[in-house]
N, C-alpha and C. Protein backbone atom coordinates (compact mmCIF):
# COMPACT_ATOMS: atom_id res chain seq x y z
N MET A 1 87.37 107.79 130.01
CA MET A 1 85.94 108.28 129.70
C MET A 1 84.92 107.22 129.08
N ASP A 2 83.96 106.90 129.77
CA ASP A 2 83.17 105.74 129.24
C ASP A 2 82.09 106.34 128.23
N LEU A 3 81.33 105.34 127.75
CA LEU A 3 80.37 105.78 126.74
C LEU A 3 79.31 106.87 127.14
N SER A 4 78.89 106.68 128.44
CA SER A 4 77.93 107.58 128.99
C SER A 4 78.51 109.05 129.06
N GLU A 5 79.75 109.04 129.48
CA GLU A 5 80.31 110.36 129.58
C GLU A 5 80.56 111.06 128.17
N ILE A 6 80.90 110.27 127.36
CA ILE A 6 81.10 110.80 125.89
C ILE A 6 79.69 111.16 125.34
N THR A 7 78.60 110.42 125.60
CA THR A 7 77.33 110.73 125.07
C THR A 7 76.95 112.07 125.78
N SER A 8 77.15 112.16 127.08
CA SER A 8 76.74 113.35 127.80
C SER A 8 77.52 114.74 127.19
N TYR A 9 78.88 114.40 126.95
CA TYR A 9 79.69 115.51 126.39
C TYR A 9 79.12 115.99 125.03
N LEU A 10 78.79 115.24 124.28
CA LEU A 10 78.47 115.39 122.89
C LEU A 10 77.00 116.21 122.93
N ALA A 11 76.09 115.64 123.98
CA ALA A 11 74.80 116.29 124.03
C ALA A 11 74.87 117.81 124.42
N ASP A 12 75.95 118.28 125.03
CA ASP A 12 76.28 119.45 125.57
C ASP A 12 76.97 120.26 124.44
N HIS A 13 77.43 119.67 123.38
CA HIS A 13 78.14 120.33 122.26
C HIS A 13 77.46 119.99 120.97
N PRO A 14 76.26 120.52 120.62
CA PRO A 14 75.60 120.14 119.37
C PRO A 14 76.28 120.63 118.01
N LEU A 15 77.08 121.60 118.19
CA LEU A 15 77.82 122.07 117.13
C LEU A 15 79.00 121.29 116.70
N LEU A 16 79.50 120.55 117.64
CA LEU A 16 80.58 119.51 117.51
C LEU A 16 79.96 118.33 116.77
N VAL A 17 78.79 118.01 117.31
CA VAL A 17 78.18 116.68 116.75
C VAL A 17 77.75 116.95 115.30
N LEU A 18 77.38 118.27 114.93
CA LEU A 18 77.04 118.58 113.53
C LEU A 18 78.32 118.51 112.66
N ALA A 19 79.30 118.93 113.18
CA ALA A 19 80.71 119.11 112.32
C ALA A 19 81.15 117.62 112.19
N MET A 20 81.13 116.80 113.18
CA MET A 20 81.60 115.38 113.06
C MET A 20 80.68 114.57 111.96
N ALA A 21 79.31 114.81 112.14
CA ALA A 21 78.52 114.26 111.25
C ALA A 21 78.68 114.69 109.87
N ALA A 22 79.00 115.88 109.61
CA ALA A 22 79.30 116.44 108.30
C ALA A 22 80.39 115.75 107.73
N ILE A 23 81.48 115.85 108.57
CA ILE A 23 82.82 115.21 108.03
C ILE A 23 82.58 113.73 107.75
N PHE A 24 81.90 113.04 108.49
CA PHE A 24 81.75 111.52 108.25
C PHE A 24 80.84 111.65 106.87
N VAL A 25 79.80 112.25 106.65
CA VAL A 25 78.93 112.03 105.60
C VAL A 25 79.99 112.57 104.22
N SER A 26 80.67 113.52 104.51
CA SER A 26 81.52 114.03 103.37
C SER A 26 82.59 112.91 102.99
N VAL A 27 83.21 112.32 103.88
CA VAL A 27 84.24 111.29 103.67
C VAL A 27 83.50 110.10 102.98
N LEU A 28 82.42 109.71 103.66
CA LEU A 28 81.69 108.51 103.07
C LEU A 28 81.30 108.76 101.47
N GLY A 29 80.92 110.04 101.11
CA GLY A 29 80.47 110.40 99.80
C GLY A 29 81.75 110.40 98.91
N GLY A 30 82.89 110.68 99.45
CA GLY A 30 84.20 110.65 98.61
C GLY A 30 84.56 109.26 98.31
N MET A 31 84.32 108.27 99.32
CA MET A 31 84.52 106.85 99.10
C MET A 31 83.77 106.20 98.24
N MET A 32 82.63 106.80 97.92
CA MET A 32 81.54 106.02 97.11
C MET A 32 81.52 106.76 95.74
N ARG A 33 82.29 107.80 95.51
CA ARG A 33 82.30 108.42 94.23
C ARG A 33 82.60 107.43 93.09
N ARG A 34 83.40 106.50 93.14
CA ARG A 34 83.69 105.62 92.17
C ARG A 34 82.60 104.43 91.97
N SER A 35 82.06 103.87 92.97
CA SER A 35 81.10 102.72 92.84
C SER A 35 79.68 103.49 92.45
N ALA A 36 79.34 104.49 93.20
CA ALA A 36 78.06 105.14 92.95
C ALA A 36 78.27 106.73 92.87
N PRO A 37 78.68 107.13 91.56
CA PRO A 37 79.04 108.57 91.47
C PRO A 37 77.90 109.59 91.98
N TYR A 38 76.71 109.30 91.60
CA TYR A 38 75.70 110.25 91.98
C TYR A 38 75.41 110.27 93.39
N LEU A 39 75.19 109.12 93.92
CA LEU A 39 75.00 109.11 95.47
C LEU A 39 76.30 109.72 96.21
N GLY A 40 77.43 109.12 95.84
CA GLY A 40 78.60 109.77 96.35
C GLY A 40 78.71 111.24 96.42
N GLY A 41 78.47 111.83 95.16
CA GLY A 41 78.38 113.26 94.98
C GLY A 41 77.53 113.99 95.79
N PHE A 42 76.20 113.30 95.97
CA PHE A 42 75.17 113.89 96.84
C PHE A 42 75.57 114.01 98.21
N LEU A 43 76.08 112.85 98.74
CA LEU A 43 76.56 112.78 100.13
C LEU A 43 77.66 113.55 100.45
N ARG A 44 78.62 113.84 99.47
CA ARG A 44 79.69 114.67 99.70
C ARG A 44 79.17 116.11 99.94
N GLY A 45 78.36 116.51 98.85
CA GLY A 45 77.82 117.90 98.88
C GLY A 45 77.03 118.12 100.17
N LEU A 46 76.21 117.05 100.68
CA LEU A 46 75.59 117.31 101.87
C LEU A 46 76.49 117.43 103.01
N GLY A 47 77.50 116.81 103.18
CA GLY A 47 78.61 116.92 104.12
C GLY A 47 79.15 118.30 104.14
N ASN A 48 79.45 118.86 102.85
CA ASN A 48 80.04 120.08 102.81
C ASN A 48 79.09 121.16 103.38
N LEU A 49 77.84 120.94 103.07
CA LEU A 49 76.73 121.99 103.48
C LEU A 49 76.57 121.90 105.00
N GLY A 50 76.77 120.76 105.61
CA GLY A 50 76.86 120.55 107.07
C GLY A 50 78.07 121.30 107.72
N LEU A 51 79.11 121.12 107.02
CA LEU A 51 80.31 121.80 107.67
C LEU A 51 80.10 123.43 107.54
N ILE A 52 79.45 123.89 106.47
CA ILE A 52 79.34 125.33 106.35
C ILE A 52 78.26 125.78 107.32
N ALA A 53 77.31 124.96 107.66
CA ALA A 53 76.29 125.37 108.57
C ALA A 53 76.91 125.41 109.95
N ALA A 54 77.87 124.36 110.24
CA ALA A 54 78.43 124.38 111.68
C ALA A 54 79.37 125.67 111.88
N LEU A 55 79.95 126.07 110.69
CA LEU A 55 80.87 127.24 110.78
C LEU A 55 80.00 128.50 110.93
N LEU A 56 78.88 128.60 110.34
CA LEU A 56 78.17 129.72 110.30
C LEU A 56 77.47 129.84 111.75
N LEU A 57 77.07 128.75 112.37
CA LEU A 57 76.38 128.72 113.68
C LEU A 57 77.66 128.99 114.77
N THR A 58 78.72 128.62 114.50
CA THR A 58 79.93 128.87 115.32
C THR A 58 80.05 130.47 115.44
N ILE A 59 80.03 131.06 114.18
CA ILE A 59 80.35 132.64 114.07
C ILE A 59 79.25 133.27 114.74
N ALA A 60 77.95 132.78 114.67
CA ALA A 60 76.73 133.35 115.36
C ALA A 60 76.89 133.29 116.81
N GLN A 61 77.28 132.09 117.31
CA GLN A 61 77.61 131.94 118.70
C GLN A 61 78.60 132.96 119.26
N VAL A 62 79.85 133.10 118.50
CA VAL A 62 80.75 134.08 118.96
C VAL A 62 80.21 135.51 119.03
N THR A 63 79.39 135.79 117.92
CA THR A 63 78.85 137.09 117.76
C THR A 63 78.05 137.54 119.02
N ARG A 64 77.16 136.39 119.45
CA ARG A 64 76.37 136.66 120.45
C ARG A 64 77.12 137.11 121.73
N PHE A 65 78.29 136.62 122.06
CA PHE A 65 78.94 136.94 123.19
C PHE A 65 80.04 138.13 122.99
N THR A 66 80.20 138.60 121.84
CA THR A 66 81.18 139.67 121.58
C THR A 66 80.49 141.00 121.03
N THR A 67 79.19 140.89 120.79
CA THR A 67 78.43 142.05 120.16
C THR A 67 77.25 142.23 121.17
N GLY A 68 76.38 143.26 120.70
CA GLY A 68 75.17 143.48 121.43
C GLY A 68 74.08 142.61 120.99
N THR A 69 74.25 141.67 119.92
CA THR A 69 73.23 140.93 119.40
C THR A 69 72.78 139.80 120.46
N ASP A 70 71.53 139.86 120.69
CA ASP A 70 71.09 138.87 121.80
C ASP A 70 70.08 137.99 121.26
N PHE A 71 70.33 137.26 120.26
CA PHE A 71 69.39 136.18 119.66
C PHE A 71 69.43 134.93 120.50
N ALA A 72 68.28 134.17 120.39
CA ALA A 72 68.29 132.77 121.27
C ALA A 72 68.23 131.53 120.18
N LEU A 73 69.06 130.69 120.31
CA LEU A 73 69.03 129.37 119.80
C LEU A 73 69.05 128.29 120.85
N PRO A 74 67.87 127.99 121.63
CA PRO A 74 67.90 127.10 122.67
C PRO A 74 68.30 125.67 122.19
N GLN A 75 68.10 125.47 120.97
CA GLN A 75 68.59 124.14 120.46
C GLN A 75 70.10 123.83 120.41
N LEU A 76 70.73 125.03 120.39
CA LEU A 76 72.22 124.89 120.30
C LEU A 76 72.88 125.39 121.65
N GLY A 77 72.10 125.28 122.68
CA GLY A 77 72.67 125.95 123.90
C GLY A 77 72.74 127.31 124.18
N LEU A 78 71.97 128.13 123.54
CA LEU A 78 71.97 129.54 123.56
C LEU A 78 70.54 130.18 123.70
N PRO A 79 70.18 129.78 125.10
CA PRO A 79 68.88 130.50 125.48
C PRO A 79 69.10 131.86 125.70
N ARG A 80 67.95 132.60 125.65
CA ARG A 80 67.93 134.17 125.90
C ARG A 80 67.95 134.26 127.43
N GLN A 81 68.78 135.11 127.79
CA GLN A 81 68.79 135.61 129.22
C GLN A 81 67.30 136.01 129.73
N SER A 82 66.75 135.52 130.78
CA SER A 82 65.49 136.04 131.13
C SER A 82 65.34 136.43 132.65
N VAL A 83 64.31 137.11 132.97
CA VAL A 83 63.99 137.56 134.24
C VAL A 83 62.72 137.16 134.78
N ALA A 84 62.52 136.52 135.71
CA ALA A 84 61.20 135.95 136.21
C ALA A 84 60.96 136.56 137.52
N GLY A 85 59.91 137.29 137.62
CA GLY A 85 59.61 137.90 139.00
C GLY A 85 60.69 138.60 139.46
N ASN A 86 61.02 138.32 140.88
CA ASN A 86 62.17 139.01 141.46
C ASN A 86 63.45 138.31 141.28
N GLU A 87 63.71 137.40 140.50
CA GLU A 87 64.82 136.65 140.26
C GLU A 87 65.36 137.06 138.81
N THR A 88 66.66 137.03 138.75
CA THR A 88 67.34 137.23 137.50
C THR A 88 67.94 135.81 137.08
N ARG A 89 67.53 135.10 136.04
CA ARG A 89 68.02 133.74 135.75
C ARG A 89 69.03 133.79 134.58
N VAL A 90 70.17 133.20 134.88
CA VAL A 90 71.13 133.22 133.94
C VAL A 90 71.42 131.71 133.46
N PRO A 91 71.19 131.40 132.19
CA PRO A 91 71.44 129.99 131.80
C PRO A 91 72.88 129.68 131.54
N MET A 92 73.48 128.49 131.98
CA MET A 92 74.76 128.14 131.65
C MET A 92 75.04 128.17 130.12
N GLN A 93 76.10 128.61 129.58
CA GLN A 93 76.46 128.57 128.10
C GLN A 93 77.23 127.35 127.83
N PRO A 94 77.51 127.10 126.51
CA PRO A 94 78.22 125.90 126.04
C PRO A 94 79.48 125.81 126.68
N ASP A 95 80.22 126.81 126.98
CA ASP A 95 81.66 126.89 127.61
C ASP A 95 81.50 126.34 129.02
N GLY A 96 80.36 126.26 129.56
CA GLY A 96 80.31 125.83 131.06
C GLY A 96 80.24 126.86 132.06
N HIS A 97 80.17 128.23 131.64
CA HIS A 97 80.30 129.33 132.35
C HIS A 97 78.96 130.11 132.40
N PHE A 98 78.79 130.91 133.24
CA PHE A 98 77.50 131.85 133.28
C PHE A 98 77.97 133.13 132.77
N TRP A 99 77.28 133.56 131.50
CA TRP A 99 77.59 134.84 131.10
C TRP A 99 76.35 135.69 131.14
N ILE A 100 76.54 137.08 131.61
CA ILE A 100 75.28 137.86 131.51
C ILE A 100 75.54 139.21 130.86
N ARG A 101 74.56 139.84 130.33
CA ARG A 101 74.69 141.17 129.77
C ARG A 101 74.43 142.22 130.71
N ALA A 102 75.36 143.05 130.90
CA ALA A 102 75.12 144.04 131.98
C ALA A 102 75.53 145.46 131.43
N ALA A 103 75.14 146.43 132.13
CA ALA A 103 75.42 147.85 131.70
C ALA A 103 76.30 148.57 132.89
N VAL A 104 77.40 149.04 132.38
CA VAL A 104 78.31 149.69 133.28
C VAL A 104 78.11 151.23 133.08
N ASN A 105 77.56 151.88 133.97
CA ASN A 105 77.40 153.36 133.60
C ASN A 105 76.59 153.48 132.31
N GLY A 106 75.63 152.58 132.11
CA GLY A 106 74.98 152.75 130.85
C GLY A 106 75.63 152.19 129.53
N VAL A 107 76.75 151.52 129.73
CA VAL A 107 77.47 150.97 128.57
C VAL A 107 77.36 149.53 128.81
N GLU A 108 76.77 148.90 127.65
CA GLU A 108 76.42 147.46 127.68
C GLU A 108 77.79 146.65 127.35
N ARG A 109 78.09 145.58 128.20
CA ARG A 109 78.98 144.78 128.05
C ARG A 109 78.52 143.23 128.48
N ASP A 110 79.36 142.33 128.03
CA ASP A 110 79.24 140.91 128.50
C ASP A 110 80.05 140.71 129.73
N PHE A 111 79.55 140.00 130.77
CA PHE A 111 80.24 139.77 131.87
C PHE A 111 80.23 138.14 132.19
N LEU A 112 81.43 137.65 132.70
CA LEU A 112 81.55 136.28 133.15
C LEU A 112 81.29 136.26 134.53
N ILE A 113 80.19 135.51 135.08
CA ILE A 113 80.11 135.44 136.42
C ILE A 113 80.98 134.52 137.12
N ASP A 114 81.86 134.89 138.05
CA ASP A 114 82.92 134.01 138.51
C ASP A 114 82.81 134.20 140.06
N THR A 115 82.29 133.12 140.54
CA THR A 115 82.25 132.92 142.19
C THR A 115 83.66 132.84 142.80
N GLY A 116 84.74 132.46 141.90
CA GLY A 116 85.91 132.46 142.59
C GLY A 116 86.87 133.74 142.45
N ALA A 117 86.26 134.79 142.02
CA ALA A 117 86.89 136.09 141.97
C ALA A 117 86.34 136.92 143.00
N THR A 118 87.52 137.64 143.92
CA THR A 118 86.91 138.43 144.97
C THR A 118 86.28 139.66 144.52
N LEU A 119 86.99 140.33 143.64
CA LEU A 119 86.51 141.51 143.08
C LEU A 119 85.99 141.52 141.61
N THR A 120 85.06 142.29 141.29
CA THR A 120 84.41 142.59 139.87
C THR A 120 85.71 143.21 139.10
N ALA A 121 85.95 142.70 137.86
CA ALA A 121 87.01 143.27 137.09
C ALA A 121 86.44 143.54 135.65
N ILE A 122 86.93 144.72 135.13
CA ILE A 122 86.57 145.19 133.86
C ILE A 122 87.74 145.36 133.02
N SER A 123 87.51 145.26 131.68
CA SER A 123 88.78 145.54 130.84
C SER A 123 88.97 147.08 130.78
N PRO A 124 90.08 147.48 130.28
CA PRO A 124 90.44 148.92 129.98
C PRO A 124 89.45 149.59 129.04
N ASP A 125 89.10 148.70 128.03
CA ASP A 125 88.15 149.31 126.91
C ASP A 125 86.87 149.67 127.66
N THR A 126 86.32 148.61 128.55
CA THR A 126 85.05 149.02 129.18
C THR A 126 85.19 150.13 130.14
N ALA A 127 86.29 150.24 130.77
CA ALA A 127 86.56 151.38 131.81
C ALA A 127 86.56 152.70 131.10
N ASN A 128 87.19 152.68 129.91
CA ASN A 128 87.38 153.99 129.12
C ASN A 128 85.79 154.32 128.49
N SER A 129 85.14 153.31 127.89
CA SER A 129 83.83 153.66 127.22
C SER A 129 82.88 154.14 128.31
N ALA A 130 82.90 153.38 129.52
CA ALA A 130 81.93 153.75 130.53
C ALA A 130 82.25 154.86 131.59
N ALA A 131 83.56 155.47 131.27
CA ALA A 131 84.00 156.54 132.13
C ALA A 131 84.15 156.23 133.62
N VAL A 132 84.60 154.99 133.78
CA VAL A 132 84.76 154.52 135.13
C VAL A 132 86.03 155.20 135.78
N GLN A 133 85.69 155.85 137.02
CA GLN A 133 86.66 156.68 137.61
C GLN A 133 87.57 155.73 138.59
N ALA A 134 88.87 156.25 138.72
CA ALA A 134 89.77 155.55 139.66
C ALA A 134 89.34 155.74 141.04
N HIS A 135 89.47 154.60 141.86
CA HIS A 135 89.07 154.49 143.21
C HIS A 135 89.70 155.57 144.04
N ARG A 136 89.04 156.02 145.14
CA ARG A 136 89.68 157.19 145.85
C ARG A 136 90.95 156.74 146.61
N LEU A 137 91.20 155.40 146.71
CA LEU A 137 92.44 154.92 147.33
C LEU A 137 93.56 155.27 146.22
N ASN A 138 93.21 155.18 145.11
CA ASN A 138 94.17 155.41 144.05
C ASN A 138 95.46 154.58 144.02
N ARG A 139 95.15 153.31 144.00
CA ARG A 139 96.45 152.57 143.99
C ARG A 139 96.10 151.30 143.25
N SER A 140 97.16 150.47 143.01
CA SER A 140 97.00 149.24 142.09
C SER A 140 97.12 147.99 143.15
N VAL A 141 96.53 146.98 142.64
CA VAL A 141 96.61 145.79 143.39
C VAL A 141 97.18 144.51 142.46
N THR A 142 97.69 143.47 143.05
CA THR A 142 98.09 142.40 142.23
C THR A 142 97.06 141.21 142.18
N MET A 143 96.81 140.83 140.97
CA MET A 143 95.69 139.79 140.87
C MET A 143 96.35 138.60 140.07
N ARG A 144 95.96 137.42 140.64
CA ARG A 144 96.45 136.19 140.08
C ARG A 144 95.62 135.62 139.02
N THR A 145 96.04 135.25 137.96
CA THR A 145 95.24 134.75 136.80
C THR A 145 95.96 133.58 136.36
N ALA A 146 95.18 132.90 135.32
CA ALA A 146 95.86 131.64 134.82
C ALA A 146 97.19 131.93 134.11
N ASN A 147 97.35 133.22 133.70
CA ASN A 147 98.69 133.52 133.04
C ASN A 147 99.72 134.08 133.96
N GLY A 148 99.36 134.09 135.28
CA GLY A 148 100.26 134.68 136.25
C GLY A 148 99.86 135.86 136.97
N ALA A 149 100.78 136.45 137.61
CA ALA A 149 100.35 137.66 138.49
C ALA A 149 100.22 138.96 137.44
N ILE A 150 99.24 139.75 137.65
CA ILE A 150 99.11 141.00 136.87
C ILE A 150 98.60 142.06 137.74
N GLN A 151 99.04 143.38 137.27
CA GLN A 151 98.65 144.53 138.01
C GLN A 151 97.38 145.17 137.67
N ALA A 152 96.52 145.46 138.61
CA ALA A 152 95.27 146.03 138.31
C ALA A 152 94.87 147.26 138.93
N ARG A 153 94.37 148.16 138.50
CA ARG A 153 94.12 149.52 138.94
C ARG A 153 92.68 149.40 139.70
N LEU A 154 92.65 149.92 141.01
CA LEU A 154 91.38 149.92 141.66
C LEU A 154 90.43 151.07 140.99
N ALA A 155 89.28 150.77 141.06
CA ALA A 155 88.21 151.80 140.31
C ALA A 155 86.87 151.61 141.11
N ILE A 156 86.07 152.40 140.75
CA ILE A 156 84.64 152.33 141.27
C ILE A 156 83.78 152.55 140.11
N ILE A 157 82.67 151.66 140.18
CA ILE A 157 81.67 151.71 139.21
C ILE A 157 80.31 152.48 139.71
N ASP A 158 80.06 153.48 139.14
CA ASP A 158 78.97 154.26 139.79
C ASP A 158 77.63 153.36 139.67
N GLU A 159 77.43 152.82 138.63
CA GLU A 159 76.11 151.94 138.53
C GLU A 159 76.46 150.73 137.55
N LEU A 160 76.21 149.49 138.08
CA LEU A 160 76.21 148.35 137.13
C LEU A 160 74.87 147.72 137.42
N ARG A 161 74.17 147.60 136.09
CA ARG A 161 72.78 146.89 136.06
C ARG A 161 72.83 145.78 135.24
N MET A 162 72.16 144.79 135.76
CA MET A 162 71.94 143.49 135.14
C MET A 162 70.46 142.93 135.46
N GLY A 163 69.70 142.78 134.42
CA GLY A 163 68.42 142.23 134.72
C GLY A 163 67.62 143.21 135.71
N ASN A 164 67.16 142.83 136.72
CA ASN A 164 66.41 143.60 137.74
C ASN A 164 67.38 144.03 138.95
N ILE A 165 68.61 143.77 138.71
CA ILE A 165 69.70 144.12 139.85
C ILE A 165 70.41 145.43 139.41
N VAL A 166 70.62 146.09 140.44
CA VAL A 166 71.38 147.43 140.28
C VAL A 166 72.28 147.64 141.41
N ALA A 167 73.63 147.61 141.01
CA ALA A 167 74.79 147.70 142.10
C ALA A 167 75.26 149.17 141.95
N ARG A 168 75.36 150.13 142.83
CA ARG A 168 75.96 151.29 142.83
C ARG A 168 77.14 151.42 143.77
N GLY A 169 78.12 152.28 143.31
CA GLY A 169 79.14 152.49 144.06
C GLY A 169 80.05 151.28 144.20
N LEU A 170 80.17 150.40 143.23
CA LEU A 170 80.79 149.16 143.27
C LEU A 170 82.23 149.19 143.15
N ASP A 171 83.04 148.60 144.00
CA ASP A 171 84.53 148.62 144.02
C ASP A 171 84.80 147.53 142.98
N ALA A 172 85.71 147.82 142.14
CA ALA A 172 86.11 147.05 140.89
C ALA A 172 87.66 147.25 140.72
N VAL A 173 88.13 146.41 139.73
CA VAL A 173 89.49 146.66 139.20
C VAL A 173 89.59 146.70 137.74
N VAL A 174 90.41 147.57 137.26
CA VAL A 174 90.73 147.61 135.75
C VAL A 174 91.77 146.67 135.50
N ALA A 175 91.75 145.69 134.75
CA ALA A 175 92.63 144.55 134.66
C ALA A 175 93.09 144.32 133.23
N PRO A 176 94.17 145.04 132.72
CA PRO A 176 94.68 144.79 131.29
C PRO A 176 94.92 143.34 131.02
N GLY A 177 95.40 142.61 132.08
CA GLY A 177 95.84 141.22 131.78
C GLY A 177 94.60 140.22 131.48
N LEU A 178 93.55 140.70 131.64
CA LEU A 178 92.35 139.88 131.38
C LEU A 178 91.79 139.95 129.90
N GLY A 179 92.59 140.78 129.15
CA GLY A 179 92.09 141.12 127.72
C GLY A 179 90.83 141.82 127.82
N GLU A 180 89.74 141.41 126.90
CA GLU A 180 88.63 142.04 126.81
C GLU A 180 87.60 141.60 127.75
N THR A 181 87.93 140.59 128.65
CA THR A 181 87.02 139.80 129.53
C THR A 181 86.65 140.75 130.69
N ASN A 182 85.22 140.85 130.94
CA ASN A 182 84.76 141.44 132.18
C ASN A 182 84.33 140.51 133.11
N VAL A 183 84.50 140.58 134.49
CA VAL A 183 84.09 139.56 135.35
C VAL A 183 83.13 140.10 136.59
N ILE A 184 82.10 139.51 136.81
CA ILE A 184 81.26 139.77 138.07
C ILE A 184 81.86 138.86 139.25
N GLY A 185 82.30 139.66 140.20
CA GLY A 185 82.98 138.87 141.31
C GLY A 185 82.08 138.88 142.65
N MET A 186 82.65 138.25 143.60
CA MET A 186 81.95 137.96 144.86
C MET A 186 81.58 139.31 145.67
N ASN A 187 82.35 140.35 145.25
CA ASN A 187 82.00 141.75 146.05
C ASN A 187 80.56 142.26 145.55
N LEU A 188 80.16 141.67 144.32
CA LEU A 188 78.86 142.01 143.94
C LEU A 188 77.78 140.93 144.38
N LEU A 189 78.05 139.73 144.18
CA LEU A 189 77.16 138.67 144.54
C LEU A 189 76.92 138.57 146.02
N SER A 190 77.93 139.03 146.97
CA SER A 190 77.68 139.06 148.41
C SER A 190 76.59 140.07 148.76
N ARG A 191 76.44 141.02 147.89
CA ARG A 191 75.37 142.03 148.13
C ARG A 191 74.01 141.63 147.84
N LEU A 192 73.83 140.73 147.27
CA LEU A 192 72.38 140.03 146.92
C LEU A 192 71.86 139.45 147.92
N ALA A 193 70.36 139.40 148.07
CA ALA A 193 69.65 138.59 149.20
C ALA A 193 70.13 137.13 148.95
N SER A 194 70.46 136.49 147.89
CA SER A 194 70.90 135.15 147.69
C SER A 194 71.16 134.92 146.33
N TRP A 195 72.06 133.92 145.98
CA TRP A 195 72.32 133.36 144.64
C TRP A 195 72.51 131.85 144.80
N ARG A 196 72.08 131.21 143.72
CA ARG A 196 72.15 129.73 143.75
C ARG A 196 72.05 129.18 142.41
N VAL A 197 72.67 127.98 142.24
CA VAL A 197 72.59 127.34 140.95
C VAL A 197 71.56 126.10 141.00
N GLU A 198 70.62 126.12 140.14
CA GLU A 198 69.68 124.93 140.09
C GLU A 198 69.88 124.37 138.56
N GLY A 199 70.41 123.15 138.61
CA GLY A 199 70.75 122.61 137.24
C GLY A 199 71.71 123.32 136.50
N ARG A 200 71.24 123.96 135.30
CA ARG A 200 72.27 124.56 134.57
C ARG A 200 71.86 126.10 134.52
N THR A 201 71.19 126.64 135.63
CA THR A 201 70.65 128.03 135.75
C THR A 201 71.22 128.68 137.04
N LEU A 202 71.95 129.80 136.88
CA LEU A 202 72.18 130.64 137.97
C LEU A 202 71.24 131.54 138.34
N ILE A 203 70.56 131.64 139.63
CA ILE A 203 69.48 132.37 140.00
C ILE A 203 70.03 133.47 140.97
N LEU A 204 69.74 134.73 140.54
CA LEU A 204 70.25 135.81 141.44
C LEU A 204 69.20 136.53 141.94
N VAL A 205 69.03 136.72 143.18
CA VAL A 205 67.79 137.37 143.98
C VAL A 205 68.38 138.74 144.69
N PRO A 206 68.02 139.84 144.11
CA PRO A 206 68.49 140.93 144.92
C PRO A 206 67.51 141.43 146.13
N HIS A 207 68.00 142.26 146.94
CA HIS A 207 67.38 142.58 148.06
C HIS A 207 66.10 143.49 147.72
N HIS A 208 66.33 144.37 146.77
CA HIS A 208 65.36 145.29 146.35
C HIS A 208 65.19 145.28 144.74
N PRO A 209 64.47 144.51 144.19
CA PRO A 209 64.46 144.42 142.75
C PRO A 209 64.03 145.63 142.11
N GLN A 210 64.86 146.06 141.05
CA GLN A 210 64.65 147.32 140.35
C GLN A 210 64.01 147.13 139.14
N PRO A 211 63.20 148.09 138.45
CA PRO A 211 62.57 148.10 137.13
C PRO A 211 63.57 147.58 136.28
N MET A 212 63.31 146.53 135.46
CA MET A 212 64.14 145.82 134.50
C MET A 212 64.37 146.83 133.33
N GLU A 213 65.55 146.97 132.76
CA GLU A 213 65.79 147.54 131.63
C GLU A 213 66.42 146.60 130.60
N GLU A 214 66.24 146.86 129.30
CA GLU A 214 66.84 145.81 128.27
C GLU A 214 68.17 146.02 128.19
N VAL A 215 69.09 145.06 128.42
CA VAL A 215 70.49 145.21 128.49
C VAL A 215 71.08 143.92 127.65
């Protein structure tokens, strides 16, 4: 990895840069405590404050993806999901993936948009909370994941809404092996008029845009 790649990587991970800078300042302050006690103490305290700030911002970032809180910190790679005209625009998150807030039968959850997934998948908790019914085929399928093959139960989502996009009667699977993760798969994306990636933004264009609801 050359210097330009390292610089680009750090530019995409501002919290990592903050933590590294705080550690450096804290260590430097500790080294200066004997020769310049006041300056050394100040730098060490400043470094500790930086580490606390990095920790709090990391917690805020996790909270954004695991709760209904949808605040925006664009300086830290956390822009707010936006809808422009007939397009739903989804910014890439710091982990390199596209996440979107969606409502399953009216129940809000976070979804990973995965173009490599054939079917939309939801966690058992999401299925129970949203009263997702078993598919009329009433059978299980085998899914391959990073942790190996898992069994998933076919289901049907009455309504999945994200931005100005609404999918109804959507085939899905309830996959315990995915933990709490929910995934938007190609069976939903293929229903759209189009979808594309421009820079660090995924743009979803429905055939018939629906009135946007806050999700």
